[in-house]
Each structure stands twice: as C-alpha cells, then as structure tokens.
C-alpha cells in the first residue's frame, strides 16, 4: 500500500506541473483495488474495526490513498501476483 501511495504522490507532483493525465495503476495489491468500493463503510465507521472498536492498523494509509484517489482518479487494475504460500511473511 505504501508503494502505491508513493507512486500516486510522485504522479501528482508531475501532474501539478504539467497538467492532467489519465492514470492506469497496475497492482497485485487486492486491498488497494478494493478500497474504493469499501470507502463508504470505512469512512462511516471512522476507520475503526467493528469487532474490536480500535482504529484499523492501516487507517492512515487508507486516508492518504483516498485523498490521492480523489485528486487523480486513477483506474486501478489488479494483476495476479505471487501464489499464496503457507509460511509466507
């Protein structure tokens, strides 16, 4: 998620200088691709977990992502990445 935010911030700086462009963002991060559809619920719950009542661990990243998403309107395209592995870190 942090890499996506970095990429969008870099693009935003370029766009601010040169004008708007269309952005297609390819990622294997399913979470990022699904965030726009989850946005209403996340914001309604103030980025808090319904189960624990605590702030989600990536709440700050989600908020940064949404701000950049609103500014740039990228098309998010999921690509198959690594295979799930039993002991993967």
PDB file of N, CA and C in Angstrom:
ATOM      1  N   UNK A   1       0.821  -1.189   0.000  1.00  0.00           N
ATOM      2  CA  UNK A   1       0.000   0.000   0.000  1.00  0.00           C
ATOM      3  C   UNK A   1       0.870   1.260   0.000  1.00  0.00           C
ATOM      4  N   UNK A   2       1.952   1.224   0.762  1.00  0.00           N
ATOM      5  CA  UNK A   2       2.833   2.393   0.824  1.00  0.00           C
ATOM      6  C   UNK A   2       3.453   2.700  -0.542  1.00  0.00           C
ATOM      7  N   UNK A   3       3.767   1.655  -1.299  1.00  0.00           N
ATOM      8  CA  UNK A   3       4.352   1.864  -2.629  1.00  0.00           C
ATOM      9  C   UNK A   3       3.346   2.524  -3.574  1.00  0.00           C
ATOM     10  N   UNK A   4       2.092   2.162  -3.449  1.00  0.00           N
ATOM     11  CA  UNK A   4       1.044   2.768  -4.284  1.00  0.00           C
ATOM     12  C   UNK A   4       0.898   4.243  -3.946  1.00  0.00           C
ATOM     13  N   UNK A   5       0.914   4.559  -2.664  1.00  0.00           N
ATOM     14  CA  UNK A   5       0.801   5.961  -2.235  1.00  0.00           C
ATOM     15  C   UNK A   5       2.007   6.749  -2.744  1.00  0.00           C
ATOM     16  N   UNK A   6       3.201   6.166  -2.632  1.00  0.00           N
ATOM     17  CA  UNK A   6       4.399   6.835  -3.141  1.00  0.00           C
ATOM     18  C   UNK A   6       4.266   7.126  -4.635  1.00  0.00           C
ATOM     19  N   UNK A   7       3.809   6.131  -5.392  1.00  0.00           N
ATOM     20  CA  UNK A   7       3.669   6.302  -6.847  1.00  0.00           C
ATOM     21  C   UNK A   7       2.650   7.392  -7.176  1.00  0.00           C
ATOM     22  N   UNK A   8       1.519   7.377  -6.495  1.00  0.00           N
ATOM     23  CA  UNK A   8       0.487   8.389  -6.764  1.00  0.00           C
ATOM     24  C   UNK A   8       0.956   9.782  -6.363  1.00  0.00           C
ATOM     25  N   UNK A   9       1.702   9.888  -5.251  1.00  0.00           N
ATOM     26  CA  UNK A   9       2.237  11.195  -4.855  1.00  0.00           C
ATOM     27  C   UNK A   9       3.228  11.718  -5.894  1.00  0.00           C
ATOM     28  N   UNK A  10       4.064  10.836  -6.411  1.00  0.00           N
ATOM     29  CA  UNK A  10       5.025  11.230  -7.441  1.00  0.00           C
ATOM     30  C   UNK A  10       4.305  11.697  -8.701  1.00  0.00           C
ATOM     31  N   UNK A  11       3.272  10.963  -9.092  1.00  0.00           N
ATOM     32  CA  UNK A  11       2.489  11.355 -10.261  1.00  0.00           C
ATOM     33  C   UNK A  11       1.780  12.685 -10.035  1.00  0.00           C
ATOM     34  N   UNK A  12       1.271  12.877  -8.823  1.00  0.00           N
ATOM     35  CA  UNK A  12       0.559  14.125  -8.521  1.00  0.00           C
ATOM     36  C   UNK A  12       1.486  15.328  -8.688  1.00  0.00           C
ATOM     37  N   UNK A  13       2.722  15.203  -8.237  1.00  0.00           N
ATOM     38  CA  UNK A  13       3.682  16.297  -8.394  1.00  0.00           C
ATOM     39  C   UNK A  13       3.921  16.607  -9.868  1.00  0.00           C
ATOM     40  N   UNK A  14       4.042  15.584 -10.688  1.00  0.00           N
ATOM     41  CA  UNK A  14       4.245  15.756 -12.123  1.00  0.00           C
ATOM     42  C   UNK A  14       3.016  16.389 -12.760  1.00  0.00           C
ATOM     43  N   UNK A  15       1.851  15.896 -12.397  1.00  0.00           N
ATOM     44  CA  UNK A  15       0.599  16.409 -12.970  1.00  0.00           C
ATOM     45  C   UNK A  15       0.393  17.864 -12.586  1.00  0.00           C
ATOM     46  N   UNK A  16       0.708  18.222 -11.337  1.00  0.00           N
ATOM     47  CA  UNK A  16       0.552  19.602 -10.887  1.00  0.00           C
ATOM     48  C   UNK A  16       1.389  20.555 -11.732  1.00  0.00           C
ATOM     49  N   UNK A  17       2.537  20.061 -12.223  1.00  0.00           N
ATOM     50  CA  UNK A  17       3.408  20.914 -13.039  1.00  0.00           C
ATOM     51  C   UNK A  17       3.017  20.922 -14.505  1.00  0.00           C
ATOM     52  N   UNK A  18       2.534  19.771 -15.005  1.00  0.00           N
ATOM     53  CA  UNK A  18       2.329  19.626 -16.442  1.00  0.00           C
ATOM     54  C   UNK A  18       0.875  19.556 -16.877  1.00  0.00           C
ATOM     55  N   UNK A  19      -0.048  19.409 -15.971  1.00  0.00           N
ATOM     56  CA  UNK A  19      -1.446  19.261 -16.342  1.00  0.00           C
ATOM     57  C   UNK A  19      -1.917  17.829 -16.200  1.00  0.00           C
ATOM     58  N   UNK A  20      -3.217  17.618 -16.306  1.00  0.00           N
ATOM     59  CA  UNK A  20      -3.829  16.316 -16.060  1.00  0.00           C
ATOM     60  C   UNK A  20      -3.461  15.242 -17.063  1.00  0.00           C
ATOM     61  N   UNK A  21      -3.410  14.019 -16.570  1.00  0.00           N
ATOM     62  CA  UNK A  21      -3.197  12.853 -17.418  1.00  0.00           C
ATOM     63  C   UNK A  21      -4.080  11.724 -16.901  1.00  0.00           C
ATOM     64  N   UNK A  22      -4.296  10.726 -17.738  1.00  0.00           N
ATOM     65  CA  UNK A  22      -5.050   9.547 -17.338  1.00  0.00           C
ATOM     66  C   UNK A  22      -4.080   8.542 -16.721  1.00  0.00           C
ATOM     67  N   UNK A  23      -4.461   7.989 -15.577  1.00  0.00           N
ATOM     68  CA  UNK A  23      -3.581   7.077 -14.856  1.00  0.00           C
ATOM     69  C   UNK A  23      -4.207   5.689 -14.777  1.00  0.00           C
ATOM     70  N   UNK A  24      -3.490   4.691 -15.282  1.00  0.00           N
ATOM     71  CA  UNK A  24      -3.850   3.288 -15.098  1.00  0.00           C
ATOM     72  C   UNK A  24      -2.816   2.711 -14.155  1.00  0.00           C
ATOM     73  N   UNK A  25      -3.252   2.291 -12.982  1.00  0.00           N
ATOM     74  CA  UNK A  25      -2.338   1.770 -11.978  1.00  0.00           C
ATOM     75  C   UNK A  25      -2.519   0.264 -11.863  1.00  0.00           C
ATOM     76  N   UNK A  26      -1.483  -0.482 -12.220  1.00  0.00           N
ATOM     77  CA  UNK A  26      -1.500  -1.940 -12.137  1.00  0.00           C
ATOM     78  C   UNK A  26      -0.859  -2.352 -10.825  1.00  0.00           C
ATOM     79  N   UNK A  27      -1.527  -3.226 -10.079  1.00  0.00           N
ATOM     80  CA  UNK A  27      -1.006  -3.666  -8.794  1.00  0.00           C
ATOM     81  C   UNK A  27      -1.476  -5.078  -8.476  1.00  0.00           C
ATOM     82  N   UNK A  28      -0.679  -5.775  -7.682  1.00  0.00           N
ATOM     83  CA  UNK A  28      -1.115  -7.078  -7.197  1.00  0.00           C
ATOM     84  C   UNK A  28      -1.722  -6.950  -5.803  1.00  0.00           C
ATOM     85  N   UNK A  29      -1.908  -5.737  -5.349  1.00  0.00           N
ATOM     86  CA  UNK A  29      -2.484  -5.468  -4.030  1.00  0.00           C
ATOM     87  C   UNK A  29      -4.014  -5.412  -4.139  1.00  0.00           C
ATOM     88  N   UNK A  30      -4.646  -6.526  -3.845  1.00  0.00           N
ATOM     89  CA  UNK A  30      -6.110  -6.605  -3.933  1.00  0.00           C
ATOM     90  C   UNK A  30      -6.768  -5.627  -2.967  1.00  0.00           C
ATOM     91  N   UNK A  31      -6.140  -5.395  -1.830  1.00  0.00           N
ATOM     92  CA  UNK A  31      -6.682  -4.451  -0.853  1.00  0.00           C
ATOM     93  C   UNK A  31      -6.845  -3.066  -1.474  1.00  0.00           C
ATOM     94  N   UNK A  32      -5.823  -2.606  -2.182  1.00  0.00           N
ATOM     95  CA  UNK A  32      -5.877  -1.280  -2.800  1.00  0.00           C
ATOM     96  C   UNK A  32      -6.958  -1.205  -3.868  1.00  0.00           C
ATOM     97  N   UNK A  33      -7.075  -2.251  -4.664  1.00  0.00           N
ATOM     98  CA  UNK A  33      -8.073  -2.266  -5.732  1.00  0.00           C
ATOM     99  C   UNK A  33      -9.495  -2.261  -5.149  1.00  0.00           C
ATOM    100  N   UNK A  34      -9.668  -2.904  -4.005  1.00  0.00           N
ATOM    101  CA  UNK A  34     -10.992  -2.986  -3.378  1.00  0.00           C
ATOM    102  C   UNK A  34     -11.346  -1.772  -2.510  1.00  0.00           C
ATOM    103  N   UNK A  35     -10.372  -0.944  -2.178  1.00  0.00           N
ATOM    104  CA  UNK A  35     -10.632   0.183  -1.273  1.00  0.00           C
ATOM    105  C   UNK A  35     -11.740   1.124  -1.741  1.00  0.00           C
ATOM    106  N   UNK A  36     -11.768   1.538  -3.004  1.00  0.00           N
ATOM    107  CA  UNK A  36     -12.846   2.457  -3.397  1.00  0.00           C
ATOM    108  C   UNK A  36     -14.253   1.909  -3.117  1.00  0.00           C
ATOM    109  N   UNK A  37     -14.446   0.613  -3.294  1.00  0.00           N
ATOM    110  CA  UNK A  37     -15.769   0.038  -3.036  1.00  0.00           C
ATOM    111  C   UNK A  37     -16.050  -0.096  -1.532  1.00  0.00           C
ATOM    112  N   UNK A  38     -15.011  -0.083  -0.721  1.00  0.00           N
ATOM    113  CA  UNK A  38     -15.164  -0.184   0.731  1.00  0.00           C
ATOM    114  C   UNK A  38     -15.188   1.182   1.412  1.00  0.00           C
ATOM    115  N   UNK A  39     -14.977   2.225   0.653  1.00  0.00           N
ATOM    116  CA  UNK A  39     -14.765   3.556   1.213  1.00  0.00           C
ATOM    117  C   UNK A  39     -15.905   4.050   2.096  1.00  0.00           C
ATOM    118  N   UNK A  40     -17.131   3.952   1.610  1.00  0.00           N
ATOM    119  CA  UNK A  40     -18.269   4.465   2.378  1.00  0.00           C
ATOM    120  C   UNK A  40     -18.311   3.851   3.770  1.00  0.00           C
ATOM    121  N   UNK A  41     -18.164   2.540   3.819  1.00  0.00           N
ATOM    122  CA  UNK A  41     -18.235   1.832   5.093  1.00  0.00           C
ATOM    123  C   UNK A  41     -17.053   2.210   5.999  1.00  0.00           C
ATOM    124  N   UNK A  42     -15.862   2.293   5.428  1.00  0.00           N
ATOM    125  CA  UNK A  42     -14.687   2.663   6.213  1.00  0.00           C
ATOM    126  C   UNK A  42     -14.843   4.057   6.812  1.00  0.00           C
ATOM    127  N   UNK A  43     -15.292   5.000   6.004  1.00  0.00           N
ATOM    128  CA  UNK A  43     -15.460   6.371   6.499  1.00  0.00           C
ATOM    129  C   UNK A  43     -16.606   6.470   7.492  1.00  0.00           C
ATOM    130  N   UNK A  44     -17.676   5.736   7.254  1.00  0.00           N
ATOM    131  CA  UNK A  44     -18.812   5.753   8.185  1.00  0.00           C
ATOM    132  C   UNK A  44     -18.396   5.233   9.558  1.00  0.00           C
ATOM    133  N   UNK A  45     -17.491   4.264   9.575  1.00  0.00           N
ATOM    134  CA  UNK A  45     -17.003   3.697  10.833  1.00  0.00           C
ATOM    135  C   UNK A  45     -15.754   4.406  11.352  1.00  0.00           C
ATOM    136  N   UNK A  46     -15.387   5.511  10.698  1.00  0.00           N
ATOM    137  CA  UNK A  46     -14.211   6.304  11.067  1.00  0.00           C
ATOM    138  C   UNK A  46     -12.943   5.456  11.119  1.00  0.00           C
ATOM    139  N   UNK A  47     -12.864   4.523  10.185  1.00  0.00           N
ATOM    140  CA  UNK A  47     -11.701   3.649  10.054  1.00  0.00           C
ATOM    141  C   UNK A  47     -11.451   2.824  11.324  1.00  0.00           C
ATOM    142  N   UNK A  48     -12.537   2.508  12.013  1.00  0.00           N
ATOM    143  CA  UNK A  48     -12.466   1.698  13.227  1.00  0.00           C
ATOM    144  C   UNK A  48     -12.977   0.297  12.914  1.00  0.00           C
ATOM    145  N   UNK A  49     -12.403  -0.686  13.585  1.00  0.00           N
ATOM    146  CA  UNK A  49     -12.848  -2.062  13.446  1.00  0.00           C
ATOM    147  C   UNK A  49     -14.166  -2.242  14.188  1.00  0.00           C
ATOM    148  N   UNK A  50     -15.133  -2.866  13.531  1.00  0.00           N
ATOM    149  CA  UNK A  50     -16.398  -3.137  14.207  1.00  0.00           C
ATOM    150  C   UNK A  50     -16.221  -4.177  15.310  1.00  0.00           C
ATOM    151  N   UNK A  51     -15.308  -5.112  15.089  1.00  0.00           N
ATOM    152  CA  UNK A  51     -15.104  -6.197  16.052  1.00  0.00           C
ATOM    153  C   UNK A  51     -14.409  -5.713  17.324  1.00  0.00           C
ATOM    154  N   UNK A  52     -13.347  -4.926  17.155  1.00  0.00           N
ATOM    155  CA  UNK A  52     -12.540  -4.536  18.319  1.00  0.00           C
ATOM    156  C   UNK A  52     -12.804  -3.110  18.797  1.00  0.00           C
ATOM    157  N   UNK A  53     -13.367  -2.277  17.928  1.00  0.00           N
ATOM    158  CA  UNK A  53     -13.581  -0.883  18.286  1.00  0.00           C
ATOM    159  C   UNK A  53     -12.314  -0.050  18.209  1.00  0.00           C
ATOM    160  N   UNK A  54     -11.243  -0.642  17.688  1.00  0.00           N
ATOM    161  CA  UNK A  54      -9.958   0.062  17.569  1.00  0.00           C
ATOM    162  C   UNK A  54      -9.755   0.575  16.151  1.00  0.00           C
ATOM    163  N   UNK A  55      -8.897   1.569  16.060  1.00  0.00           N
ATOM    164  CA  UNK A  55      -8.533   2.120  14.757  1.00  0.00           C
ATOM    165  C   UNK A  55      -7.842   1.041  13.939  1.00  0.00           C
ATOM    166  N   UNK A  56      -8.208   0.927  12.661  1.00  0.00           N
ATOM    167  CA  UNK A  56      -7.570  -0.051  11.784  1.00  0.00           C
ATOM    168  C   UNK A  56      -6.083   0.250  11.684  1.00  0.00           C
ATOM    169  N   UNK A  57      -5.282  -0.793  11.569  1.00  0.00           N
ATOM    170  CA  UNK A  57      -3.830  -0.606  11.564  1.00  0.00           C
ATOM    171  C   UNK A  57      -3.339   0.209  10.367  1.00  0.00           C
ATOM    172  N   UNK A  58      -4.046   0.188   9.253  1.00  0.00           N
ATOM    173  CA  UNK A  58      -3.644   0.957   8.070  1.00  0.00           C
ATOM    174  C   UNK A  58      -4.551   2.152   7.804  1.00  0.00           C
ATOM    175  N   UNK A  59      -5.233   2.623   8.812  1.00  0.00           N
ATOM    176  CA  UNK A  59      -6.176   3.734   8.633  1.00  0.00           C
ATOM    177  C   UNK A  59      -5.507   4.958   8.024  1.00  0.00           C
ATOM    178  N   UNK A  60      -4.308   5.283   8.470  1.00  0.00           N
ATOM    179  CA  UNK A  60      -3.614   6.454   7.932  1.00  0.00           C
ATOM    180  C   UNK A  60      -3.278   6.278   6.452  1.00  0.00           C
ATOM    181  N   UNK A  61      -2.889   5.062   6.068  1.00  0.00           N
ATOM    182  CA  UNK A  61      -2.593   4.794   4.659  1.00  0.00           C
ATOM    183  C   UNK A  61      -3.864   4.862   3.816  1.00  0.00           C
ATOM    184  N   UNK A  62      -4.958   4.338   4.338  1.00  0.00           N
ATOM    185  CA  UNK A  62      -6.229   4.384   3.610  1.00  0.00           C
ATOM    186  C   UNK A  62      -6.657   5.837   3.380  1.00  0.00           C
ATOM    187  N   UNK A  63      -6.506   6.672   4.380  1.00  0.00           N
ATOM    188  CA  UNK A  63      -6.893   8.077   4.248  1.00  0.00           C
ATOM    189  C   UNK A  63      -6.016   8.797   3.226  1.00  0.00           C
ATOM    190  N   UNK A  64      -4.715   8.531   3.243  1.00  0.00           N
ATOM    191  CA  UNK A  64      -3.819   9.124   2.242  1.00  0.00           C
ATOM    192  C   UNK A  64      -4.194   8.648   0.844  1.00  0.00           C
ATOM    193  N   UNK A  65      -4.474   7.353   0.734  1.00  0.00           N
ATOM    194  CA  UNK A  65      -4.865   6.781  -0.547  1.00  0.00           C
ATOM    195  C   UNK A  65      -6.120   7.474  -1.076  1.00  0.00           C
ATOM    196  N   UNK A  66      -7.142   7.630  -0.235  1.00  0.00           N
ATOM    197  CA  UNK A  66      -8.396   8.244  -0.682  1.00  0.00           C
ATOM    198  C   UNK A  66      -8.188   9.690  -1.120  1.00  0.00           C
ATOM    199  N   UNK A  67      -7.329  10.417  -0.431  1.00  0.00           N
ATOM    200  CA  UNK A  67      -7.064  11.804  -0.832  1.00  0.00           C
ATOM    201  C   UNK A  67      -6.417  11.839  -2.224  1.00  0.00           C
ATOM    202  N   UNK A  68      -5.446  10.978  -2.446  1.00  0.00           N
ATOM    203  CA  UNK A  68      -4.802  10.913  -3.758  1.00  0.00           C
ATOM    204  C   UNK A  68      -5.750  10.379  -4.819  1.00  0.00           C
ATOM    205  N   UNK A  69      -6.572   9.415  -4.445  1.00  0.00           N
ATOM    206  CA  UNK A  69      -7.568   8.850  -5.362  1.00  0.00           C
ATOM    207  C   UNK A  69      -8.539   9.939  -5.831  1.00  0.00           C
ATOM    208  N   UNK A  70      -8.970  10.789  -4.902  1.00  0.00           N
ATOM    209  CA  UNK A  70      -9.876  11.889  -5.252  1.00  0.00           C
ATOM    210  C   UNK A  70      -9.200  12.909  -6.167  1.00  0.00           C
ATOM    211  N   UNK A  71      -7.925  13.161  -5.926  1.00  0.00           N
ATOM    212  CA  UNK A  71      -7.189  14.146  -6.729  1.00  0.00           C
ATOM    213  C   UNK A  71      -6.875  13.642  -8.133  1.00  0.00           C
ATOM    214  N   UNK A  72      -6.534  12.355  -8.256  1.00  0.00           N
ATOM    215  CA  UNK A  72      -6.001  11.830  -9.513  1.00  0.00           C
ATOM    216  C   UNK A  72      -6.964  10.955 -10.309  1.00  0.00           C
ATOM    217  N   UNK A  73      -7.945  10.375  -9.649  1.00  0.00           N
ATOM    218  CA  UNK A  73      -8.928   9.483 -10.285  1.00  0.00           C
ATOM    219  C   UNK A  73      -8.263   8.377 -11.108  1.00  0.00           C
ATOM    220  N   UNK A  74      -7.343   7.617 -10.490  1.00  0.00           N
ATOM    221  CA  UNK A  74      -6.685   6.551 -11.248  1.00  0.00           C
ATOM    222  C   UNK A  74      -7.621   5.375 -11.495  1.00  0.00           C
ATOM    223  N   UNK A  75      -7.374   4.659 -12.554  1.00  0.00           N
ATOM    224  CA  UNK A  75      -8.040   3.383 -12.794  1.00  0.00           C
ATOM    225  C   UNK A  75      -7.161   2.323 -12.154  1.00  0.00           C
ATOM    226  N   UNK A  76      -7.723   1.568 -11.222  1.00  0.00           N
ATOM    227  CA  UNK A  76      -6.964   0.544 -10.508  1.00  0.00           C
ATOM    228  C   UNK A  76      -7.199  -0.808 -11.167  1.00  0.00           C
ATOM    229  N   UNK A  77      -6.119  -1.467 -11.538  1.00  0.00           N
ATOM    230  CA  UNK A  77      -6.208  -2.736 -12.250  1.00  0.00           C
ATOM    231  C   UNK A  77      -5.419  -3.781 -11.469  1.00  0.00           C
ATOM    232  N   UNK A  78      -6.117  -4.824 -11.043  1.00  0.00           N
ATOM    233  CA  UNK A  78      -5.475  -5.882 -10.274  1.00  0.00           C
ATOM    234  C   UNK A  78      -4.804  -6.877 -11.199  1.00  0.00           C
ATOM    235  N   UNK A  79      -3.575  -7.218 -10.892  1.00  0.00           N
ATOM    236  CA  UNK A  79      -2.859  -8.254 -11.623  1.00  0.00           C
ATOM    237  C   UNK A  79      -2.494  -9.361 -10.639  1.00  0.00           C
ATOM    238  N   UNK A  80      -2.531 -10.577 -11.129  1.00  0.00           N
ATOM    239  CA  UNK A  80      -2.199 -11.698 -10.264  1.00  0.00           C
ATOM    240  C   UNK A  80      -0.724 -11.612  -9.900  1.00  0.00           C
ATOM    241  N   UNK A  81      -0.449 -11.671  -8.623  1.00  0.00           N
ATOM    242  CA  UNK A  81       0.931 -11.588  -8.144  1.00  0.00           C
ATOM    243  C   UNK A  81       1.434 -12.942  -7.716  1.00  0.00           C
ATOM    244  N   UNK A  82       1.982 -12.992  -6.558  1.00  0.00           N
ATOM    245  CA  UNK A  82       2.547 -14.231  -6.030  1.00  0.00           C
ATOM    246  C   UNK A  82       1.449 -15.220  -5.647  1.00  0.00           C
ATOM    247  N   UNK A  83       1.840 -16.475  -5.594  1.00  0.00           N
ATOM    248  CA  UNK A  83       0.915 -17.506  -5.138  1.00  0.00           C
ATOM    249  C   UNK A  83       0.901 -17.501  -3.616  1.00  0.00           C
ATOM    250  N   UNK A  84      -0.277 -17.687  -3.030  1.00  0.00           N
ATOM    251  CA  UNK A  84      -0.318 -17.776  -1.571  1.00  0.00           C
ATOM    252  C   UNK A  84       0.535 -18.959  -1.094  1.00  0.00           C
ATOM    253  N   UNK A  85       1.305 -18.724  -0.079  1.00  0.00           N
ATOM    254  CA  UNK A  85       2.139 -19.790   0.469  1.00  0.00           C
ATOM    255  C   UNK A  85       1.890 -19.901   1.960  1.00  0.00           C
ATOM    256  N   UNK A  86       1.990 -21.102   2.440  1.00  0.00           N
ATOM    257  CA  UNK A  86       1.676 -21.411   3.824  1.00  0.00           C
ATOM    258  C   UNK A  86       2.466 -20.569   4.815  1.00  0.00           C
ATOM    259  N   UNK A  87       3.770 -20.438   4.628  1.00  0.00           N
ATOM    260  CA  UNK A  87       4.622 -19.756   5.603  1.00  0.00           C
ATOM    261  C   UNK A  87       5.162 -18.421   5.089  1.00  0.00           C
ATOM    262  N   UNK A  88       4.409 -17.772   4.261  1.00  0.00           N
ATOM    263  CA  UNK A  88       4.889 -16.518   3.650  1.00  0.00           C
ATOM    264  C   UNK A  88       4.808 -15.381   4.659  1.00  0.00           C
ATOM    265  N   UNK A  89       5.837 -14.530   4.685  1.00  0.00           N
ATOM    266  CA  UNK A  89       5.849 -13.348   5.544  1.00  0.00           C
ATOM    267  C   UNK A  89       5.426 -12.145   4.746  1.00  0.00           C
TER     268      UNK A  89
END
